[in-house]
C-alpha atoms as a PDB file:
ATOM      1  CA  MET A   1     -37.978 -48.716 -57.136  1.00  0.00           C
ATOM      2  CA  LEU A   2     -40.903 -46.265 -56.859  1.00  0.00           C
ATOM      3  CA  LYS A   3     -41.740 -43.746 -59.580  1.00  0.00           C
ATOM      4  CA  ILE A   4     -44.594 -41.251 -59.400  1.00  0.00           C
ATOM      5  CA  GLU A   5     -45.406 -38.923 -62.285  1.00  0.00           C
ATOM      6  CA  GLY A   6     -48.010 -36.191 -62.699  1.00  0.00           C
ATOM      7  CA  LEU A   7     -50.072 -37.314 -59.694  1.00  0.00           C
ATOM      8  CA  ASN A   8     -53.314 -35.391 -59.114  1.00  0.00           C
ATOM      9  CA  VAL A   9     -55.562 -36.364 -56.209  1.00  0.00           C
ATOM     10  CA  PHE A  10     -58.881 -34.723 -55.343  1.00  0.00           C
ATOM     11  CA  TYR A  11     -61.278 -34.971 -52.415  1.00  0.00           C
ATOM     12  CA  GLY A  12     -64.462 -33.883 -54.129  1.00  0.00           C
ATOM     13  CA  ALA A  13     -63.696 -30.467 -55.612  1.00  0.00           C
ATOM     14  CA  ILE A  14     -60.636 -29.934 -53.411  1.00  0.00           C
ATOM     15  CA  GLN A  15     -57.282 -30.782 -54.983  1.00  0.00           C
ATOM     16  CA  ALA A  16     -54.945 -32.422 -52.444  1.00  0.00           C
ATOM     17  CA  LEU A  17     -52.013 -33.226 -54.771  1.00  0.00           C
ATOM     18  CA  ASN A  18     -51.040 -31.280 -57.873  1.00  0.00           C
ATOM     19  CA  GLU A  19     -48.773 -32.803 -60.557  1.00  0.00           C
ATOM     20  CA  VAL A  20     -46.558 -34.550 -58.014  1.00  0.00           C
ATOM     21  CA  ASN A  21     -43.403 -36.230 -59.328  1.00  0.00           C
ATOM     22  CA  LEU A  22     -41.302 -38.334 -56.975  1.00  0.00           C
ATOM     23  CA  GLU A  23     -38.796 -41.183 -57.071  1.00  0.00           C
ATOM     24  CA  VAL A  24     -37.429 -43.586 -54.484  1.00  0.00           C
ATOM     25  CA  ASN A  25     -34.396 -45.708 -55.297  1.00  0.00           C
ATOM     26  CA  GLN A  26     -33.646 -49.055 -53.727  1.00  0.00           C
ATOM     27  CA  GLY A  27     -31.977 -48.777 -50.314  1.00  0.00           C
ATOM     28  CA  GLU A  28     -32.752 -45.075 -49.853  1.00  0.00           C
ATOM     29  CA  VAL A  29     -34.507 -43.220 -47.087  1.00  0.00           C
ATOM     30  CA  VAL A  30     -36.539 -40.506 -48.795  1.00  0.00           C
ATOM     31  CA  SER A  31     -38.295 -37.978 -46.543  1.00  0.00           C
ATOM     32  CA  ILE A  32     -41.276 -35.773 -47.318  1.00  0.00           C
ATOM     33  CA  ILE A  33     -41.645 -32.699 -45.144  1.00  0.00           C
ATOM     34  CA  GLY A  34     -44.330 -30.052 -45.089  1.00  0.00           C
ATOM     35  CA  SER A  35     -46.904 -28.398 -42.870  1.00  0.00           C
ATOM     36  CA  ASN A  36     -50.280 -29.804 -41.848  1.00  0.00           C
ATOM     37  CA  GLY A  37     -52.590 -30.118 -44.835  1.00  0.00           C
ATOM     38  CA  ALA A  38     -49.765 -30.137 -47.371  1.00  0.00           C
ATOM     39  CA  GLY A  39     -50.856 -33.502 -48.756  1.00  0.00           C
ATOM     40  CA  LYS A  40     -48.166 -35.726 -47.232  1.00  0.00           C
ATOM     41  CA  SER A  41     -50.491 -38.432 -45.894  1.00  0.00           C
ATOM     42  CA  THR A  42     -52.590 -38.285 -49.057  1.00  0.00           C
ATOM     43  CA  LEU A  43     -49.483 -39.141 -51.066  1.00  0.00           C
ATOM     44  CA  LEU A  44     -48.793 -42.243 -48.963  1.00  0.00           C
ATOM     45  CA  ARG A  45     -52.439 -43.266 -49.120  1.00  0.00           C
ATOM     46  CA  ALA A  46     -52.329 -43.002 -52.905  1.00  0.00           C
ATOM     47  CA  ILE A  47     -49.263 -45.245 -53.033  1.00  0.00           C
ATOM     48  CA  SER A  48     -51.021 -47.774 -50.788  1.00  0.00           C
ATOM     49  CA  GLY A  49     -54.150 -47.749 -52.937  1.00  0.00           C
ATOM     50  CA  LEU A  50     -56.353 -46.199 -50.258  1.00  0.00           C
ATOM     51  CA  VAL A  51     -57.180 -43.176 -52.406  1.00  0.00           C
ATOM     52  CA  ARG A  52     -57.275 -43.165 -56.185  1.00  0.00           C
ATOM     53  CA  PRO A  53     -55.737 -40.298 -58.158  1.00  0.00           C
ATOM     54  CA  ARG A  54     -57.673 -38.575 -60.896  1.00  0.00           C
ATOM     55  CA  THR A  55     -54.634 -38.558 -63.184  1.00  0.00           C
ATOM     56  CA  GLY A  56     -50.982 -39.561 -63.055  1.00  0.00           C
ATOM     57  CA  SER A  57     -49.053 -42.793 -62.570  1.00  0.00           C
ATOM     58  CA  ILE A  58     -47.504 -44.774 -59.711  1.00  0.00           C
ATOM     59  CA  GLU A  59     -45.102 -47.596 -60.547  1.00  0.00           C
ATOM     60  CA  PHE A  60     -43.343 -49.920 -58.111  1.00  0.00           C
ATOM     61  CA  GLU A  61     -40.528 -52.012 -59.548  1.00  0.00           C
ATOM     62  CA  GLY A  62     -42.095 -51.445 -62.960  1.00  0.00           C
ATOM     63  CA  GLN A  63     -45.584 -52.553 -61.879  1.00  0.00           C
ATOM     64  CA  ASP A  64     -48.541 -50.194 -62.292  1.00  0.00           C
ATOM     65  CA  LEU A  65     -50.013 -49.796 -58.804  1.00  0.00           C
ATOM     66  CA  LEU A  66     -53.114 -47.983 -60.048  1.00  0.00           C
ATOM     67  CA  SER A  67     -54.345 -51.160 -61.706  1.00  0.00           C
ATOM     68  CA  ILE A  68     -54.336 -53.307 -58.538  1.00  0.00           C
ATOM     69  CA  SER A  69     -56.165 -53.252 -55.197  1.00  0.00           C
ATOM     70  CA  ALA A  70     -54.712 -52.193 -51.851  1.00  0.00           C
ATOM     71  CA  ASP A  71     -54.268 -55.772 -50.593  1.00  0.00           C
ATOM     72  CA  LYS A  72     -52.352 -56.703 -53.739  1.00  0.00           C
ATOM     73  CA  ILE A  73     -50.110 -53.662 -53.224  1.00  0.00           C
ATOM     74  CA  VAL A  74     -49.113 -55.155 -49.862  1.00  0.00           C
ATOM     75  CA  LYS A  75     -48.422 -58.468 -51.589  1.00  0.00           C
ATOM     76  CA  ALA A  76     -46.325 -56.602 -54.174  1.00  0.00           C
ATOM     77  CA  GLY A  77     -43.991 -55.518 -51.354  1.00  0.00           C
ATOM     78  CA  ILE A  78     -45.234 -52.215 -49.901  1.00  0.00           C
ATOM     79  CA  SER A  79     -46.292 -51.837 -46.278  1.00  0.00           C
ATOM     80  CA  GLN A  80     -47.405 -48.718 -44.420  1.00  0.00           C
ATOM     81  CA  THR A  81     -47.340 -47.559 -40.825  1.00  0.00           C
ATOM     82  CA  PRO A  82     -50.286 -45.141 -40.935  1.00  0.00           C
ATOM     83  CA  GLU A  83     -50.638 -41.807 -39.195  1.00  0.00           C
ATOM     84  CA  GLY A  84     -52.108 -42.383 -35.759  1.00  0.00           C
ATOM     85  CA  ARG A  85     -50.731 -45.942 -35.720  1.00  0.00           C
ATOM     86  CA  ARG A  86     -54.123 -47.630 -36.347  1.00  0.00           C
ATOM     87  CA  ILE A  87     -53.337 -50.750 -34.374  1.00  0.00           C
ATOM     88  CA  PHE A  88     -56.143 -53.179 -33.536  1.00  0.00           C
ATOM     89  CA  THR A  89     -56.754 -52.019 -29.976  1.00  0.00           C
ATOM     90  CA  ASN A  90     -59.115 -54.854 -28.971  1.00  0.00           C
ATOM     91  CA  MET A  91     -56.633 -57.542 -30.013  1.00  0.00           C
ATOM     92  CA  SER A  92     -53.460 -58.687 -28.343  1.00  0.00           C
ATOM     93  CA  VAL A  93     -50.040 -57.456 -29.366  1.00  0.00           C
ATOM     94  CA  LEU A  94     -49.235 -60.898 -30.746  1.00  0.00           C
ATOM     95  CA  GLU A  95     -52.424 -60.962 -32.827  1.00  0.00           C
ATOM     96  CA  ASN A  96     -51.536 -57.550 -34.295  1.00  0.00           C
ATOM     97  CA  LEU A  97     -48.148 -58.894 -35.356  1.00  0.00           C
ATOM     98  CA  GLN A  98     -49.656 -62.033 -36.850  1.00  0.00           C
ATOM     99  CA  LEU A  99     -52.047 -59.909 -38.904  1.00  0.00           C
ATOM    100  CA  GLY A 100     -49.047 -58.029 -40.268  1.00  0.00           C
ATOM    101  CA  ALA A 101     -47.938 -61.263 -41.922  1.00  0.00           C
ATOM    102  CA  PHE A 102     -51.343 -62.254 -43.296  1.00  0.00           C
ATOM    103  CA  THR A 103     -50.192 -62.096 -46.939  1.00  0.00           C
ATOM    104  CA  ARG A 104     -47.213 -64.389 -46.389  1.00  0.00           C
ATOM    105  CA  LYS A 105     -47.150 -68.104 -47.122  1.00  0.00           C
ATOM    106  CA  ASP A 106     -43.485 -68.834 -46.325  1.00  0.00           C
ATOM    107  CA  GLY A 107     -42.151 -70.628 -43.271  1.00  0.00           C
ATOM    108  CA  ASP A 108     -40.018 -67.801 -41.861  1.00  0.00           C
ATOM    109  CA  ILE A 109     -42.774 -65.814 -40.132  1.00  0.00           C
ATOM    110  CA  GLN A 110     -41.785 -66.813 -36.583  1.00  0.00           C
ATOM    111  CA  LYS A 111     -38.112 -66.239 -37.376  1.00  0.00           C
ATOM    112  CA  ASP A 112     -38.889 -62.727 -38.593  1.00  0.00           C
ATOM    113  CA  MET A 113     -41.100 -62.041 -35.586  1.00  0.00           C
ATOM    114  CA  ASP A 114     -38.283 -63.024 -33.225  1.00  0.00           C
ATOM    115  CA  ARG A 115     -35.869 -60.778 -35.133  1.00  0.00           C
ATOM    116  CA  PHE A 116     -38.174 -57.763 -35.014  1.00  0.00           C
ATOM    117  CA  LEU A 117     -39.027 -58.332 -31.362  1.00  0.00           C
ATOM    118  CA  ASP A 118     -35.315 -58.273 -30.582  1.00  0.00           C
ATOM    119  CA  ARG A 119     -35.334 -54.782 -32.122  1.00  0.00           C
ATOM    120  CA  PHE A 120     -38.471 -53.774 -30.185  1.00  0.00           C
ATOM    121  CA  PRO A 121     -38.011 -55.354 -26.721  1.00  0.00           C
ATOM    122  CA  ARG A 122     -40.909 -53.361 -25.247  1.00  0.00           C
ATOM    123  CA  VAL A 123     -43.229 -55.009 -27.749  1.00  0.00           C
ATOM    124  CA  ARG A 124     -41.880 -58.442 -26.808  1.00  0.00           C
ATOM    125  CA  GLU A 125     -42.625 -57.763 -23.146  1.00  0.00           C
ATOM    126  CA  ARG A 126     -46.302 -57.135 -23.992  1.00  0.00           C
ATOM    127  CA  LEU A 127     -47.151 -59.916 -26.458  1.00  0.00           C
ATOM    128  CA  LYS A 128     -50.135 -61.167 -24.465  1.00  0.00           C
ATOM    129  CA  GLN A 129     -51.309 -57.690 -23.523  1.00  0.00           C
ATOM    130  CA  ASN A 130     -54.270 -55.966 -25.129  1.00  0.00           C
ATOM    131  CA  ALA A 131     -52.737 -53.570 -27.670  1.00  0.00           C
ATOM    132  CA  GLY A 132     -55.062 -50.751 -26.661  1.00  0.00           C
ATOM    133  CA  THR A 133     -53.519 -50.614 -23.185  1.00  0.00           C
ATOM    134  CA  MET A 134     -50.036 -49.795 -24.497  1.00  0.00           C
ATOM    135  CA  SER A 135     -48.570 -46.299 -24.305  1.00  0.00           C
ATOM    136  CA  GLY A 136     -48.408 -44.137 -27.422  1.00  0.00           C
ATOM    137  CA  GLY A 137     -44.734 -44.865 -27.956  1.00  0.00           C
ATOM    138  CA  GLU A 138     -45.246 -48.589 -27.509  1.00  0.00           C
ATOM    139  CA  GLN A 139     -48.139 -48.527 -29.972  1.00  0.00           C
ATOM    140  CA  GLN A 140     -45.908 -46.787 -32.533  1.00  0.00           C
ATOM    141  CA  MET A 141     -43.284 -49.488 -32.094  1.00  0.00           C
ATOM    142  CA  LEU A 142     -45.982 -52.130 -32.508  1.00  0.00           C
ATOM    143  CA  ALA A 143     -47.245 -50.441 -35.682  1.00  0.00           C
ATOM    144  CA  MET A 144     -43.746 -50.423 -37.166  1.00  0.00           C
ATOM    145  CA  CYS A 145     -43.119 -54.016 -36.151  1.00  0.00           C
ATOM    146  CA  ARG A 146     -46.478 -55.052 -37.635  1.00  0.00           C
ATOM    147  CA  ALA A 147     -45.614 -53.345 -40.937  1.00  0.00           C
ATOM    148  CA  LEU A 148     -42.249 -55.105 -41.058  1.00  0.00           C
ATOM    149  CA  MET A 149     -43.946 -58.482 -40.555  1.00  0.00           C
ATOM    150  CA  SER A 150     -45.105 -58.411 -44.177  1.00  0.00           C
ATOM    151  CA  ARG A 151     -41.397 -58.310 -45.133  1.00  0.00           C
ATOM    152  CA  PRO A 152     -41.838 -55.177 -47.297  1.00  0.00           C
ATOM    153  CA  ARG A 153     -39.338 -54.072 -49.894  1.00  0.00           C
ATOM    154  CA  LEU A 154     -40.662 -50.520 -49.441  1.00  0.00           C
ATOM    155  CA  LEU A 155     -41.726 -49.298 -46.005  1.00  0.00           C
ATOM    156  CA  LEU A 156     -43.991 -46.228 -45.797  1.00  0.00           C
ATOM    157  CA  LEU A 157     -43.846 -44.380 -42.475  1.00  0.00           C
ATOM    158  CA  ASP A 158     -46.498 -41.726 -41.840  1.00  0.00           C
ATOM    159  CA  GLU A 159     -45.648 -39.340 -38.970  1.00  0.00           C
ATOM    160  CA  PRO A 160     -43.940 -41.951 -36.741  1.00  0.00           C
ATOM    161  CA  SER A 161     -42.948 -39.350 -34.111  1.00  0.00           C
ATOM    162  CA  MET A 162     -46.371 -37.732 -33.761  1.00  0.00           C
ATOM    163  CA  GLY A 163     -47.363 -37.180 -30.124  1.00  0.00           C
ATOM    164  CA  LEU A 164     -44.315 -38.892 -28.666  1.00  0.00           C
ATOM    165  CA  ALA A 165     -41.986 -37.701 -25.921  1.00  0.00           C
ATOM    166  CA  PRO A 166     -38.495 -36.634 -27.087  1.00  0.00           C
ATOM    167  CA  ASN A 167     -36.798 -39.789 -25.739  1.00  0.00           C
ATOM    168  CA  LEU A 168     -39.228 -41.983 -27.682  1.00  0.00           C
ATOM    169  CA  VAL A 169     -38.781 -39.879 -30.825  1.00  0.00           C
ATOM    170  CA  ALA A 170     -35.042 -40.508 -30.566  1.00  0.00           C
ATOM    171  CA  GLU A 171     -35.688 -44.222 -30.155  1.00  0.00           C
ATOM    172  CA  ILE A 172     -37.967 -44.371 -33.210  1.00  0.00           C
ATOM    173  CA  PHE A 173     -35.438 -42.555 -35.396  1.00  0.00           C
ATOM    174  CA  SER A 174     -32.667 -44.805 -34.124  1.00  0.00           C
ATOM    175  CA  VAL A 175     -34.679 -47.750 -35.433  1.00  0.00           C
ATOM    176  CA  ILE A 176     -35.160 -45.983 -38.790  1.00  0.00           C
ATOM    177  CA  LYS A 177     -31.387 -45.488 -39.052  1.00  0.00           C
ATOM    178  CA  ASP A 178     -30.809 -49.169 -38.254  1.00  0.00           C
ATOM    179  CA  LEU A 179     -33.336 -50.283 -40.877  1.00  0.00           C
ATOM    180  CA  HIS A 180     -31.648 -48.016 -43.412  1.00  0.00           C
ATOM    181  CA  ALA A 181     -28.240 -49.475 -42.552  1.00  0.00           C
ATOM    182  CA  GLU A 182     -29.652 -52.946 -43.193  1.00  0.00           C
ATOM    183  CA  GLY A 183     -30.794 -51.874 -46.659  1.00  0.00           C
ATOM    184  CA  THR A 184     -34.515 -51.312 -46.056  1.00  0.00           C
ATOM    185  CA  THR A 185     -35.995 -48.791 -48.487  1.00  0.00           C
ATOM    186  CA  ILE A 186     -38.095 -46.199 -46.625  1.00  0.00           C
ATOM    187  CA  LEU A 187     -40.406 -43.372 -47.668  1.00  0.00           C
ATOM    188  CA  LEU A 188     -40.866 -41.210 -44.579  1.00  0.00           C
ATOM    189  CA  VAL A 189     -43.524 -38.539 -44.032  1.00  0.00           C
ATOM    190  CA  GLU A 190     -42.667 -36.477 -40.978  1.00  0.00           C
ATOM    191  CA  GLN A 191     -43.460 -33.068 -39.483  1.00  0.00           C
ATOM    192  CA  ASN A 192     -40.278 -33.095 -37.418  1.00  0.00           C
ATOM    193  CA  ALA A 193     -38.275 -31.698 -40.310  1.00  0.00           C
ATOM    194  CA  VAL A 194     -34.881 -31.806 -38.594  1.00  0.00           C
ATOM    195  CA  ARG A 195     -35.186 -35.490 -37.738  1.00  0.00           C
ATOM    196  CA  ALA A 196     -36.597 -36.330 -41.168  1.00  0.00           C
ATOM    197  CA  LEU A 197     -33.810 -34.561 -43.041  1.00  0.00           C
ATOM    198  CA  GLU A 198     -31.070 -35.950 -40.803  1.00  0.00           C
ATOM    199  CA  VAL A 199     -31.932 -39.560 -41.730  1.00  0.00           C
ATOM    200  CA  ALA A 200     -32.770 -38.883 -45.392  1.00  0.00           C
ATOM    201  CA  ASP A 201     -30.618 -39.622 -48.401  1.00  0.00           C
ATOM    202  CA  ARG A 202     -32.950 -37.339 -50.346  1.00  0.00           C
ATOM    203  CA  ALA A 203     -36.027 -35.314 -49.447  1.00  0.00           C
ATOM    204  CA  TYR A 204     -38.947 -33.422 -50.926  1.00  0.00           C
ATOM    205  CA  VAL A 205     -40.763 -30.378 -49.583  1.00  0.00           C
ATOM    206  CA  LEU A 206     -44.522 -30.507 -50.149  1.00  0.00           C
ATOM    207  CA  GLU A 207     -46.618 -27.333 -49.894  1.00  0.00           C
ATOM    208  CA  THR A 208     -50.375 -27.256 -50.530  1.00  0.00           C
ATOM    209  CA  GLY A 209     -50.154 -30.332 -52.737  1.00  0.00           C
ATOM    210  CA  ASN A 210     -47.119 -29.191 -54.743  1.00  0.00           C
ATOM    211  CA  ILE A 211     -43.506 -30.365 -54.606  1.00  0.00           C
ATOM    212  CA  VAL A 212     -41.630 -27.068 -54.241  1.00  0.00           C
ATOM    213  CA  LEU A 213     -38.126 -28.321 -53.414  1.00  0.00           C
ATOM    214  CA  SER A 214     -36.126 -31.521 -53.653  1.00  0.00           C
ATOM    215  CA  ASP A 215     -32.497 -32.238 -52.773  1.00  0.00           C
ATOM    216  CA  THR A 216     -30.367 -34.343 -50.489  1.00  0.00           C
ATOM    217  CA  GLY A 217     -31.394 -34.311 -46.845  1.00  0.00           C
ATOM    218  CA  LYS A 218     -28.107 -32.661 -45.920  1.00  0.00           C
ATOM    219  CA  ALA A 219     -28.577 -29.884 -48.465  1.00  0.00           C
ATOM    220  CA  LEU A 220     -32.143 -29.125 -47.381  1.00  0.00           C
ATOM    221  CA  LEU A 221     -31.023 -28.876 -43.754  1.00  0.00           C
ATOM    222  CA  THR A 222     -28.950 -25.854 -44.756  1.00  0.00           C
ATOM    223  CA  ASN A 223     -31.334 -24.434 -47.363  1.00  0.00           C
ATOM    224  CA  PRO A 224     -32.375 -20.910 -46.209  1.00  0.00           C
ATOM    225  CA  LYS A 225     -35.996 -21.335 -47.331  1.00  0.00           C
ATOM    226  CA  VAL A 226     -36.332 -24.647 -45.520  1.00  0.00           C
ATOM    227  CA  LYS A 227     -34.625 -23.295 -42.399  1.00  0.00           C
ATOM    228  CA  GLU A 228     -36.981 -20.320 -42.272  1.00  0.00           C
ATOM    229  CA  ALA A 229     -40.175 -22.297 -42.915  1.00  0.00           C
ATOM    230  CA  TYR A 230     -39.566 -25.590 -41.091  1.00  0.00           C
ATOM    231  CA  LEU A 231     -36.437 -25.452 -38.943  1.00  0.00           C
ATOM    232  CA  GLY A 232     -37.109 -22.431 -36.769  1.00  0.00           C
ATOM    233  CA  GLY A 233     -34.937 -20.051 -38.775  1.00  0.00           C
END
């Protein structure tokens, strides 16, 4: 579904990604783990068209993503829940969800909204509320629900557990497992390496802009190098 080859991204003179190669197959959860500054969010931003690589290629279902704008990438079937959630805090919860479906012209938007709100009951309870008054966990649920409203074929999740209490982290990853079971294809960037590898079919380890390891999630959970660097030994 997604194929990345030889991706090099720079911020000025600083290289953020170096010859990155990555694939995501339909129906998979693929996790990317790594420390702060490894380039994980940059990779998702490149896929979404928010940063442009100097060299390399990104193809989604055979379509060259580097030749189209970020809004057309959403229309092509990719939606992202960004790091820090980035909800529209001065708008209502309902308005945030409606904006998630802005590229759609079909008649199933309300049906999808009802389905996603059944999955996120806390979001349903706050539809008329100003989104900026929600708790961090509720805002993360809103951000995920908003991303799903575009009916993506590939969902990009950037640090969905960041800053959340353990019970909310468990809830977020329960939703990810459910989406996976339903066949949603997910590319997950996550600092909580244990959680990320537990839900992953396959995973990549990114260090200072370089892919240094790739394997199944189960295999990386028991890999000595990964255990020492990311899993507390």
